[in-house]
Every structure is written in C-alpha cells, then in structure tokens.
Amino acid sequence: GGTSLAPGSPGAQWMALAGLKQRRLAGGRADL
C-alpha cells in the first residue's frame, strides 16, 4: 500500500547504513 519509514526511525537508520537516505514523505506513505 506504499507504507514507508519515518526519517530518523530505526528502519531509516538501518537504511542509512546501507547507503540509502530515506526520503521524508507526507503521512509516512509513498503515494503514486
């Protein structure tokens, strides 16, 4: 459904270790 991660969350921190910067999204969701 496009559910995503909040910047600064543990998931986003793991993303950063992989070299990926989680984008900030309104409502924590990636819309089409």
Full PDB file with SEQRES, HELIX, SHEET, SSBOND, CRYST1, ORIGX, SCALE, CONECT and MASTER records, all heavy atoms in Angstrom:
SEQRES   1 A   32  GLY GLY THR SER LEU ALA PRO GLY SER PRO GLY ALA GLN          
SEQRES   2 A   32  TRP MET ALA LEU ALA GLY LEU LYS GLN ARG ARG LEU ALA          
SEQRES   3 A   32  GLY GLY ARG ALA ASP LEU                                      
HELIX    1 AA1 PRO A   10  LEU A   17  1                                   8    
HELIX    2 AA2 ALA A   26  GLY A   28  5                                   3    
CRYST1    1.000    1.000    1.000  90.00  90.00  90.00 P 1           1          
ORIGX1      1.000000  0.000000  0.000000        0.00000                         
ORIGX2      0.000000  1.000000  0.000000        0.00000                         
ORIGX3      0.000000  0.000000  1.000000        0.00000                         
SCALE1      1.000000  0.000000  0.000000        0.00000                         
SCALE2      0.000000  1.000000  0.000000        0.00000                         
SCALE3      0.000000  0.000000  1.000000        0.00000                         
ATOM      1  N   GLY A   1       0.787  -1.217   0.000  1.00  0.00           N  
ATOM      2  CA  GLY A   1       0.000   0.000   0.000  1.00  0.00           C  
ATOM      3  C   GLY A   1       0.819   1.266   0.000  1.00  0.00           C  
ATOM      4  O   GLY A   1       0.270   2.365   0.089  1.00  0.00           O  
ATOM      5  N   GLY A   2       2.151   1.142  -0.066  1.00  0.00           N  
ATOM      6  CA  GLY A   2       3.014   2.319  -0.064  1.00  0.00           C  
ATOM      7  C   GLY A   2       3.462   2.780   1.304  1.00  0.00           C  
ATOM      8  O   GLY A   2       4.105   3.826   1.433  1.00  0.00           O  
ATOM      9  N   THR A   3       3.124   2.017   2.355  1.00  0.00           N  
ATOM     10  CA  THR A   3       3.576   2.377   3.699  1.00  0.00           C  
ATOM     11  C   THR A   3       5.094   2.466   3.727  1.00  0.00           C  
ATOM     12  O   THR A   3       5.786   1.610   3.169  1.00  0.00           O  
ATOM     13  CB  THR A   3       3.096   1.330   4.725  1.00  0.00           C  
ATOM     14  OG1 THR A   3       1.671   1.270   4.697  1.00  0.00           O  
ATOM     15  CG2 THR A   3       3.549   1.699   6.127  1.00  0.00           C  
ATOM     16  N   SER A   4       5.609   3.512   4.384  1.00  0.00           N  
ATOM     17  CA  SER A   4       7.052   3.735   4.352  1.00  0.00           C  
ATOM     18  C   SER A   4       7.598   3.952   5.762  1.00  0.00           C  
ATOM     19  O   SER A   4       6.944   3.600   6.752  1.00  0.00           O  
ATOM     20  CB  SER A   4       7.377   4.927   3.444  1.00  0.00           C  
ATOM     21  OG  SER A   4       8.761   5.000   3.192  1.00  0.00           O  
ATOM     22  N   LEU A   5       8.808   4.497   5.841  1.00  0.00           N  
ATOM     23  CA  LEU A   5       9.502   4.719   7.104  1.00  0.00           C  
ATOM     24  C   LEU A   5       9.628   6.203   7.395  1.00  0.00           C  
ATOM     25  O   LEU A   5       9.782   7.010   6.477  1.00  0.00           O  
ATOM     26  CB  LEU A   5      10.907   4.114   7.049  1.00  0.00           C  
ATOM     27  CG  LEU A   5      11.026   2.627   6.740  1.00  0.00           C  
ATOM     28  CD1 LEU A   5      12.487   2.278   6.475  1.00  0.00           C  
ATOM     29  CD2 LEU A   5      10.477   1.796   7.897  1.00  0.00           C  
ATOM     30  N   ALA A   6       9.613   6.559   8.659  1.00  0.00           N  
ATOM     31  CA  ALA A   6       9.839   7.943   9.044  1.00  0.00           C  
ATOM     32  C   ALA A   6      11.332   8.203   9.131  1.00  0.00           C  
ATOM     33  O   ALA A   6      12.081   7.383   9.669  1.00  0.00           O  
ATOM     34  CB  ALA A   6       9.187   8.225  10.395  1.00  0.00           C  
ATOM     35  N   PRO A   7      11.806   9.333   8.600  1.00  0.00           N  
ATOM     36  CA  PRO A   7      13.220   9.689   8.765  1.00  0.00           C  
ATOM     37  C   PRO A   7      13.581   9.719  10.251  1.00  0.00           C  
ATOM     38  O   PRO A   7      12.818  10.215  11.075  1.00  0.00           O  
ATOM     39  CB  PRO A   7      13.309  11.084   8.144  1.00  0.00           C  
ATOM     40  CG  PRO A   7      12.183  11.128   7.165  1.00  0.00           C  
ATOM     41  CD  PRO A   7      11.071  10.331   7.802  1.00  0.00           C  
ATOM     42  N   GLY A   8      14.718   9.159  10.588  1.00  0.00           N  
ATOM     43  CA  GLY A   8      15.141   9.113  11.985  1.00  0.00           C  
ATOM     44  C   GLY A   8      14.672   7.878  12.724  1.00  0.00           C  
ATOM     45  O   GLY A   8      15.140   7.607  13.835  1.00  0.00           O  
ATOM     46  N   SER A   9      13.750   7.121  12.144  1.00  0.00           N  
ATOM     47  CA  SER A   9      13.277   5.889  12.774  1.00  0.00           C  
ATOM     48  C   SER A   9      14.374   4.832  12.722  1.00  0.00           C  
ATOM     49  O   SER A   9      15.339   4.955  11.949  1.00  0.00           O  
ATOM     50  CB  SER A   9      12.038   5.377  12.056  1.00  0.00           C  
ATOM     51  OG  SER A   9      12.366   4.979  10.728  1.00  0.00           O  
ATOM     52  N   PRO A  10      14.265   3.776  13.536  1.00  0.00           N  
ATOM     53  CA  PRO A  10      15.275   2.708  13.446  1.00  0.00           C  
ATOM     54  C   PRO A  10      15.415   2.152  12.031  1.00  0.00           C  
ATOM     55  O   PRO A  10      16.529   1.913  11.564  1.00  0.00           O  
ATOM     56  CB  PRO A  10      14.740   1.652  14.416  1.00  0.00           C  
ATOM     57  CG  PRO A  10      13.939   2.419  15.416  1.00  0.00           C  
ATOM     58  CD  PRO A  10      13.303   3.533  14.636  1.00  0.00           C  
ATOM     59  N   GLY A  11      14.293   1.983  11.330  1.00  0.00           N  
ATOM     60  CA  GLY A  11      14.359   1.490   9.961  1.00  0.00           C  
ATOM     61  C   GLY A  11      15.145   2.421   9.060  1.00  0.00           C  
ATOM     62  O   GLY A  11      15.953   1.982   8.231  1.00  0.00           O  
ATOM     63  N   ALA A  12      14.918   3.729   9.193  1.00  0.00           N  
ATOM     64  CA  ALA A  12      15.647   4.701   8.379  1.00  0.00           C  
ATOM     65  C   ALA A  12      17.130   4.709   8.742  1.00  0.00           C  
ATOM     66  O   ALA A  12      17.988   4.939   7.873  1.00  0.00           O  
ATOM     67  CB  ALA A  12      15.050   6.088   8.579  1.00  0.00           C  
ATOM     68  N   GLN A  13      17.446   4.450   9.995  1.00  0.00           N  
ATOM     69  CA  GLN A  13      18.851   4.376  10.397  1.00  0.00           C  
ATOM     70  C   GLN A  13      19.535   3.161   9.766  1.00  0.00           C  
ATOM     71  O   GLN A  13      20.688   3.240   9.332  1.00  0.00           O  
ATOM     72  CB  GLN A  13      18.960   4.319  11.922  1.00  0.00           C  
ATOM     73  CG  GLN A  13      18.557   5.608  12.618  1.00  0.00           C  
ATOM     74  CD  GLN A  13      18.619   5.494  14.128  1.00  0.00           C  
ATOM     75  OE1 GLN A  13      19.523   4.878  14.692  1.00  0.00           O  
ATOM     76  NE2 GLN A  13      17.646   6.103  14.796  1.00  0.00           N  
ATOM     77  N   TRP A  14      18.834   2.043   9.700  1.00  0.00           N  
ATOM     78  CA  TRP A  14      19.382   0.874   9.016  1.00  0.00           C  
ATOM     79  C   TRP A  14      19.547   1.172   7.522  1.00  0.00           C  
ATOM     80  O   TRP A  14      20.524   0.753   6.897  1.00  0.00           O  
ATOM     81  CB  TRP A  14      18.494  -0.348   9.228  1.00  0.00           C  
ATOM     82  CG  TRP A  14      18.543  -0.947  10.599  1.00  0.00           C  
ATOM     83  CD1 TRP A  14      17.545  -0.998  11.523  1.00  0.00           C  
ATOM     84  CD2 TRP A  14      19.665  -1.606  11.205  1.00  0.00           C  
ATOM     85  NE1 TRP A  14      17.957  -1.633  12.659  1.00  0.00           N  
ATOM     86  CE2 TRP A  14      19.264  -2.015  12.493  1.00  0.00           C  
ATOM     87  CE3 TRP A  14      20.964  -1.870  10.782  1.00  0.00           C  
ATOM     88  CZ2 TRP A  14      20.116  -2.693  13.370  1.00  0.00           C  
ATOM     89  CZ3 TRP A  14      21.825  -2.552  11.651  1.00  0.00           C  
ATOM     90  CH2 TRP A  14      21.403  -2.952  12.917  1.00  0.00           C  
ATOM     91  N   MET A  15      18.592   1.887   6.946  1.00  0.00           N  
ATOM     92  CA  MET A  15      18.716   2.291   5.544  1.00  0.00           C  
ATOM     93  C   MET A  15      19.999   3.090   5.338  1.00  0.00           C  
ATOM     94  O   MET A  15      20.741   2.876   4.366  1.00  0.00           O  
ATOM     95  CB  MET A  15      17.511   3.132   5.133  1.00  0.00           C  
ATOM     96  CG  MET A  15      16.209   2.363   4.986  1.00  0.00           C  
ATOM     97  SD  MET A  15      15.905   1.838   3.296  1.00  0.00           S  
ATOM     98  CE  MET A  15      15.415   3.394   2.540  1.00  0.00           C  
ATOM     99  N   ALA A  16      20.269   4.009   6.238  1.00  0.00           N  
ATOM    100  CA  ALA A  16      21.455   4.855   6.113  1.00  0.00           C  
ATOM    101  C   ALA A  16      22.734   4.029   6.149  1.00  0.00           C  
ATOM    102  O   ALA A  16      23.697   4.325   5.429  1.00  0.00           O  
ATOM    103  CB  ALA A  16      21.463   5.913   7.216  1.00  0.00           C  
ATOM    104  N   LEU A  17      22.750   2.966   6.963  1.00  0.00           N  
ATOM    105  CA  LEU A  17      23.927   2.102   6.996  1.00  0.00           C  
ATOM    106  C   LEU A  17      24.133   1.387   5.667  1.00  0.00           C  
ATOM    107  O   LEU A  17      25.256   1.026   5.320  1.00  0.00           O  
ATOM    108  CB  LEU A  17      23.798   1.065   8.114  1.00  0.00           C  
ATOM    109  CG  LEU A  17      24.223   1.481   9.518  1.00  0.00           C  
ATOM    110  CD1 LEU A  17      24.223   0.270  10.436  1.00  0.00           C  
ATOM    111  CD2 LEU A  17      25.588   2.134   9.518  1.00  0.00           C  
ATOM    112  N   ALA A  18      23.043   1.194   4.929  1.00  0.00           N  
ATOM    113  CA  ALA A  18      23.144   0.571   3.601  1.00  0.00           C  
ATOM    114  C   ALA A  18      23.499   1.589   2.523  1.00  0.00           C  
ATOM    115  O   ALA A  18      23.668   1.227   1.357  1.00  0.00           O  
ATOM    116  CB  ALA A  18      21.831  -0.126   3.257  1.00  0.00           C  
ATOM    117  N   GLY A  19      23.593   2.879   2.902  1.00  0.00           N  
ATOM    118  CA  GLY A  19      23.896   3.927   1.942  1.00  0.00           C  
ATOM    119  C   GLY A  19      22.664   4.521   1.293  1.00  0.00           C  
ATOM    120  O   GLY A  19      22.741   5.079   0.197  1.00  0.00           O  
ATOM    121  N   LEU A  20      21.542   4.441   1.988  1.00  0.00           N  
ATOM    122  CA  LEU A  20      20.264   4.909   1.446  1.00  0.00           C  
ATOM    123  C   LEU A  20      19.648   5.943   2.378  1.00  0.00           C  
ATOM    124  O   LEU A  20      19.460   5.683   3.567  1.00  0.00           O  
ATOM    125  CB  LEU A  20      19.300   3.725   1.279  1.00  0.00           C  
ATOM    126  CG  LEU A  20      19.785   2.603   0.349  1.00  0.00           C  
ATOM    127  CD1 LEU A  20      18.911   1.372   0.497  1.00  0.00           C  
ATOM    128  CD2 LEU A  20      19.801   3.082  -1.091  1.00  0.00           C  
ATOM    129  N   LYS A  21      19.325   7.101   1.850  1.00  0.00           N  
ATOM    130  CA  LYS A  21      18.701   8.155   2.641  1.00  0.00           C  
ATOM    131  C   LYS A  21      17.197   8.107   2.442  1.00  0.00           C  
ATOM    132  O   LYS A  21      16.682   8.417   1.363  1.00  0.00           O  
ATOM    133  CB  LYS A  21      19.240   9.527   2.238  1.00  0.00           C  
ATOM    134  CG  LYS A  21      18.675  10.659   3.098  1.00  0.00           C  
ATOM    135  CD  LYS A  21      19.279  12.002   2.728  1.00  0.00           C  
ATOM    136  CE  LYS A  21      18.720  13.105   3.620  1.00  0.00           C  
ATOM    137  NZ  LYS A  21      19.295  14.424   3.269  1.00  0.00           N  
ATOM    138  N   GLN A  22      16.493   7.700   3.476  1.00  0.00           N  
ATOM    139  CA  GLN A  22      15.045   7.611   3.403  1.00  0.00           C  
ATOM    140  C   GLN A  22      14.443   8.995   3.212  1.00  0.00           C  
ATOM    141  O   GLN A  22      14.683   9.910   4.000  1.00  0.00           O  
ATOM    142  CB  GLN A  22      14.487   6.959   4.675  1.00  0.00           C  
ATOM    143  CG  GLN A  22      12.976   7.047   4.850  1.00  0.00           C  
ATOM    144  CD  GLN A  22      12.211   6.262   3.802  1.00  0.00           C  
ATOM    145  OE1 GLN A  22      12.685   5.261   3.296  1.00  0.00           O  
ATOM    146  NE2 GLN A  22      11.013   6.721   3.466  1.00  0.00           N  
ATOM    147  N   ARG A  23      13.653   9.137   2.180  1.00  0.00           N  
ATOM    148  CA  ARG A  23      13.036  10.428   1.896  1.00  0.00           C  
ATOM    149  C   ARG A  23      11.884  10.701   2.865  1.00  0.00           C  
ATOM    150  O   ARG A  23      11.137   9.789   3.240  1.00  0.00           O  
ATOM    151  CB  ARG A  23      12.501  10.447   0.458  1.00  0.00           C  
ATOM    152  CG  ARG A  23      12.046  11.830   0.013  1.00  0.00           C  
ATOM    153  CD  ARG A  23      11.372  11.782  -1.345  1.00  0.00           C  
ATOM    154  NE  ARG A  23      12.269  11.368  -2.424  1.00  0.00           N  
ATOM    155  CZ  ARG A  23      11.860  11.230  -3.687  1.00  0.00           C  
ATOM    156  NH1 ARG A  23      10.592  11.475  -4.002  1.00  0.00           N  
ATOM    157  NH2 ARG A  23      12.703  10.843  -4.627  1.00  0.00           N  
ATOM    158  N   ARG A  24      11.741  11.951   3.255  1.00  0.00           N  
ATOM    159  CA  ARG A  24      10.619  12.343   4.111  1.00  0.00           C  
ATOM    160  C   ARG A  24       9.354  12.376   3.271  1.00  0.00           C  
ATOM    161  O   ARG A  24       9.300  13.019   2.226  1.00  0.00           O  
ATOM    162  CB  ARG A  24      10.875  13.706   4.740  1.00  0.00           C  
ATOM    163  CG  ARG A  24       9.825  14.134   5.772  1.00  0.00           C  
ATOM    164  CD  ARG A  24      10.201  15.466   6.403  1.00  0.00           C  
ATOM    165  NE  ARG A  24      11.469  15.384   7.093  1.00  0.00           N  
ATOM    166  CZ  ARG A  24      11.612  14.949   8.342  1.00  0.00           C  
ATOM    167  NH1 ARG A  24      10.539  14.542   9.013  1.00  0.00           N  
ATOM    168  NH2 ARG A  24      12.801  14.910   8.904  1.00  0.00           N  
ATOM    169  N   LEU A  25       8.317  11.689   3.729  1.00  0.00           N  
ATOM    170  CA  LEU A  25       7.071  11.574   2.974  1.00  0.00           C  
ATOM    171  C   LEU A  25       5.895  12.019   3.829  1.00  0.00           C  
ATOM    172  O   LEU A  25       5.815  11.684   5.018  1.00  0.00           O  
ATOM    173  CB  LEU A  25       6.848  10.120   2.526  1.00  0.00           C  
ATOM    174  CG  LEU A  25       7.941   9.510   1.634  1.00  0.00           C  
ATOM    175  CD1 LEU A  25       7.755   8.001   1.550  1.00  0.00           C  
ATOM    176  CD2 LEU A  25       7.898  10.136   0.245  1.00  0.00           C  
ATOM    177  N   ALA A  26       4.995  12.730   3.233  1.00  0.00           N  
ATOM    178  CA  ALA A  26       3.796  13.168   3.946  1.00  0.00           C  
ATOM    179  C   ALA A  26       2.989  11.950   4.379  1.00  0.00           C  
ATOM    180  O   ALA A  26       2.695  11.069   3.574  1.00  0.00           O  
ATOM    181  CB  ALA A  26       2.953  14.064   3.042  1.00  0.00           C  
ATOM    182  N   GLY A  27       2.655  11.903   5.662  1.00  0.00           N  
ATOM    183  CA  GLY A  27       1.857  10.802   6.170  1.00  0.00           C  
ATOM    184  C   GLY A  27       2.595   9.485   6.242  1.00  0.00           C  
ATOM    185  O   GLY A  27       1.981   8.442   6.491  1.00  0.00           O  
ATOM    186  N   GLY A  28       3.920   9.508   6.031  1.00  0.00           N  
ATOM    187  CA  GLY A  28       4.694   8.276   6.104  1.00  0.00           C  
ATOM    188  C   GLY A  28       4.327   7.269   5.032  1.00  0.00           C  
ATOM    189  O   GLY A  28       4.467   6.055   5.230  1.00  0.00           O  
ATOM    190  N   ARG A  29       3.910   7.779   3.879  1.00  0.00           N  
ATOM    191  CA  ARG A  29       3.450   6.870   2.816  1.00  0.00           C  
ATOM    192  C   ARG A  29       3.924   7.380   1.462  1.00  0.00           C  
ATOM    193  O   ARG A  29       3.901   8.580   1.186  1.00  0.00           O  
ATOM    194  CB  ARG A  29       1.921   6.771   2.834  1.00  0.00           C  
ATOM    195  CG  ARG A  29       1.342   5.797   1.824  1.00  0.00           C  
ATOM    196  CD  ARG A  29      -0.175   5.677   2.007  1.00  0.00           C  
ATOM    197  NE  ARG A  29      -0.755   4.777   1.028  1.00  0.00           N  
ATOM    198  CZ  ARG A  29      -1.101   5.136  -0.201  1.00  0.00           C  
ATOM    199  NH1 ARG A  29      -0.948   6.401  -0.594  1.00  0.00           N  
ATOM    200  NH2 ARG A  29      -1.613   4.264  -1.034  1.00  0.00           N  
ATOM    201  N   ALA A  30       4.329   6.468   0.595  1.00  0.00           N  
ATOM    202  CA  ALA A  30       4.730   6.802  -0.767  1.00  0.00           C  
ATOM    203  C   ALA A  30       3.499   6.702  -1.665  1.00  0.00           C  
ATOM    204  O   ALA A  30       3.044   5.607  -1.980  1.00  0.00           O  
ATOM    205  CB  ALA A  30       5.812   5.846  -1.255  1.00  0.00           C  
ATOM    206  N   ASP A  31       2.946   7.851  -2.075  1.00  0.00           N  
ATOM    207  CA  ASP A  31       1.783   7.791  -2.951  1.00  0.00           C  
ATOM    208  C   ASP A  31       2.243   7.664  -4.401  1.00  0.00           C  
ATOM    209  O   ASP A  31       3.403   7.924  -4.754  1.00  0.00           O  
ATOM    210  CB  ASP A  31       0.885   9.014  -2.757  1.00  0.00           C  
ATOM    211  CG  ASP A  31       1.614  10.323  -2.989  1.00  0.00           C  
ATOM    212  OD1 ASP A  31       2.187  10.506  -4.083  1.00  0.00           O  
ATOM    213  OD2 ASP A  31       1.630  11.167  -2.067  1.00  0.00           O  
ATOM    214  N   LEU A  32       1.340   7.270  -5.248  1.00  0.00           N  
ATOM    215  CA  LEU A  32       1.673   7.017  -6.648  1.00  0.00           C  
ATOM    216  C   LEU A  32       2.130   8.284  -7.359  1.00  0.00           C  
ATOM    217  O   LEU A  32       3.001   8.240  -8.230  1.00  0.00           O  
ATOM    218  CB  LEU A  32       0.471   6.395  -7.359  1.00  0.00           C  
ATOM    219  CG  LEU A  32       0.070   5.005  -6.848  1.00  0.00           C  
ATOM    220  CD1 LEU A  32      -1.235   4.555  -7.499  1.00  0.00           C  
ATOM    221  CD2 LEU A  32       1.172   3.987  -7.119  1.00  0.00           C  
TER     222      LEU A  32                                                      
MASTER        0    0    0    2    0    0    0    6  221    1    0    3          
END                                                                             
